[in-house]
Protein backbone atom coordinates (compact mmCIF):
# COMPACT_ATOMS: atom_id res chain seq x y z
CA MET A 1 -46.33 -35.31 37.22
CA SER A 2 -50.10 -35.19 37.13
CA ASP A 3 -52.72 -37.79 36.33
CA ALA A 4 -53.41 -35.90 33.10
CA THR A 5 -49.76 -36.25 32.04
CA PHE A 6 -49.88 -40.02 32.41
CA MET A 7 -53.28 -40.25 30.68
CA ARG A 8 -51.86 -38.25 27.77
CA ARG A 9 -49.12 -40.86 27.42
CA ALA A 10 -51.80 -43.56 27.46
CA LEU A 11 -53.57 -41.65 24.66
CA GLU A 12 -50.36 -41.68 22.61
CA LEU A 13 -50.27 -45.46 23.01
CA ALA A 14 -53.96 -45.67 22.02
CA ARG A 15 -53.06 -43.88 18.81
CA ARG A 16 -50.35 -46.47 18.20
CA ALA A 17 -52.92 -49.25 18.63
CA ARG A 18 -55.21 -47.50 16.14
CA ALA A 19 -52.35 -47.18 13.63
CA GLU A 20 -51.81 -50.95 13.95
CA GLY A 21 -55.49 -51.66 13.23
CA GLU A 22 -56.33 -52.47 16.85
CA VAL A 23 -59.05 -50.98 19.03
CA PRO A 24 -57.40 -47.73 20.19
CA VAL A 25 -56.72 -48.30 23.88
CA GLY A 26 -53.49 -47.39 25.67
CA SER A 27 -52.26 -47.89 29.22
CA VAL A 28 -49.35 -47.02 31.48
CA VAL A 29 -48.34 -48.25 34.92
CA VAL A 30 -46.74 -45.66 37.19
CA LEU A 31 -44.80 -46.17 40.41
CA ASP A 32 -43.25 -43.36 42.43
CA GLY A 33 -44.00 -40.86 39.67
CA LYS A 34 -42.27 -42.89 36.93
CA VAL A 35 -43.73 -44.93 34.09
CA ILE A 36 -42.60 -48.52 34.64
CA GLY A 37 -44.78 -50.21 32.03
CA GLU A 38 -46.63 -49.30 28.86
CA GLY A 39 -49.05 -51.15 26.65
CA TRP A 40 -51.60 -50.81 23.89
CA ASN A 41 -54.24 -53.15 22.57
CA ARG A 42 -52.71 -55.99 20.56
CA PRO A 43 -55.13 -58.95 20.61
CA ILE A 44 -55.55 -59.01 16.83
CA SER A 45 -51.90 -58.70 15.84
CA SER A 46 -50.67 -61.07 18.57
CA CYS A 47 -53.53 -63.58 18.19
CA ASP A 48 -53.93 -63.31 21.95
CA PRO A 49 -57.34 -62.57 23.49
CA THR A 50 -55.63 -61.41 26.70
CA ALA A 51 -53.45 -58.78 24.98
CA HIS A 52 -55.43 -55.80 26.25
CA ALA A 53 -53.56 -52.56 26.85
CA GLU A 54 -53.74 -52.94 30.63
CA ILE A 55 -52.37 -56.49 30.54
CA GLN A 56 -49.54 -55.40 28.24
CA ALA A 57 -48.66 -52.52 30.57
CA MET A 58 -48.74 -54.73 33.68
CA ARG A 59 -46.57 -57.36 31.97
CA ALA A 60 -44.01 -54.70 31.09
CA ALA A 61 -44.10 -53.25 34.61
CA ALA A 62 -43.75 -56.68 36.23
CA GLY A 63 -40.81 -57.43 33.95
CA ALA A 64 -39.15 -54.13 34.83
CA LEU A 65 -39.53 -54.81 38.56
CA LYS A 66 -38.94 -58.57 38.24
CA ASN A 67 -42.02 -59.07 40.39
CA TYR A 68 -45.53 -60.15 39.42
CA ARG A 69 -46.91 -57.91 42.15
CA LEU A 70 -47.05 -54.15 41.67
CA PRO A 71 -48.03 -52.74 45.08
CA GLY A 72 -48.33 -48.98 45.21
CA ALA A 73 -48.62 -48.65 41.43
CA THR A 74 -51.26 -46.70 39.55
CA LEU A 75 -52.55 -47.95 36.21
CA TYR A 76 -53.85 -45.42 33.68
CA VAL A 77 -55.96 -46.62 30.76
CA THR A 78 -57.95 -44.76 28.13
CA LEU A 79 -61.01 -47.06 28.36
CA GLU A 80 -62.83 -48.47 31.37
CA PRO A 81 -61.22 -51.86 32.08
CA CYS A 82 -63.03 -55.13 31.49
CA GLU A 83 -63.44 -57.76 34.20
CA MET A 84 -60.35 -59.67 33.02
CA CYS A 85 -58.18 -56.59 33.38
CA PHE A 86 -59.69 -55.68 36.75
CA GLY A 87 -58.95 -59.23 37.89
CA ALA A 88 -55.35 -58.93 36.74
CA MET A 89 -55.03 -55.59 38.57
CA PHE A 90 -56.33 -57.27 41.72
CA HIS A 91 -53.79 -60.09 41.46
CA ALA A 92 -50.97 -57.63 40.69
CA ARG A 93 -51.95 -55.57 43.76
CA ILE A 94 -52.35 -52.39 41.70
CA ALA A 95 -53.19 -49.68 44.26
CA ARG A 96 -55.17 -47.38 41.96
CA ALA A 97 -56.70 -47.46 38.49
CA VAL A 98 -57.60 -44.34 36.52
CA PHE A 99 -59.55 -44.61 33.27
CA GLY A 100 -60.71 -42.17 30.62
CA ALA A 101 -63.78 -43.15 28.62
CA THR A 102 -66.48 -45.40 30.01
CA ASP A 103 -67.25 -48.55 28.04
CA PRO A 104 -70.87 -48.38 26.88
CA LYS A 105 -70.78 -52.03 25.77
CA LYS A 106 -69.60 -53.26 29.16
CA LYS A 107 -73.08 -53.48 30.66
CA ALA A 108 -74.42 -55.15 27.52
CA LEU A 109 -71.93 -58.02 27.60
CA LYS A 110 -73.62 -61.35 27.94
CA PRO A 111 -71.66 -64.50 28.73
CA GLN A 112 -71.18 -66.71 25.68
CA THR A 113 -69.34 -69.46 27.48
CA ALA A 114 -71.12 -72.21 29.36
CA VAL A 115 -69.44 -72.71 32.76
CA GLU A 116 -69.62 -75.92 34.76
CA GLY A 117 -67.89 -76.48 38.09
CA GLY A 118 -67.15 -79.22 40.57
CA LEU A 119 -65.53 -81.81 38.31
CA LEU A 120 -62.89 -83.68 40.38
CA ALA A 121 -63.25 -80.88 42.94
CA ALA A 122 -61.63 -82.81 45.79
CA GLU A 123 -58.50 -83.65 43.79
CA CYS A 124 -58.27 -80.14 42.35
CA GLY A 125 -58.62 -78.62 45.79
CA ALA A 126 -56.14 -81.03 47.34
CA ILE A 127 -53.28 -80.10 45.00
CA LEU A 128 -53.76 -76.45 45.90
CA SER A 129 -54.03 -77.16 49.63
CA ASP A 130 -50.89 -79.31 49.54
CA PHE A 131 -48.97 -76.62 47.67
CA PHE A 132 -49.84 -73.86 50.13
CA ALA A 133 -49.32 -76.12 53.17
CA ALA A 134 -45.79 -76.86 51.95
CA ARG A 135 -45.02 -73.15 51.64
CA ARG A 136 -45.97 -72.36 55.24
């Protein structure tokens, strides 16, 4: 199957999101030519700010494979992914991402959250170091 075939399926899912009153974005995750996960925007209906189409599709794919990593998979999405979704793709080891429309608001996003770092840094770092040392 072609990239266009998978993007058309993502468009069908975007239409589902629109019908549910969500921003119309759809996504599919494909591995070895087969759709293993699908998703559409659901942050409003699920009261979940992380419920973007890409996240939904990766969750479904990870559940299908029983693995939080999706090496070799391609993710198709109808709108250029945000930084959160790109980060999730990175952690899932998605091999390739293909998007349709560019997001004109993406460059205009300005952080609205104040970020402060370093609080109890030694203790926070130590628990992580201990965890990974024990796994080696």
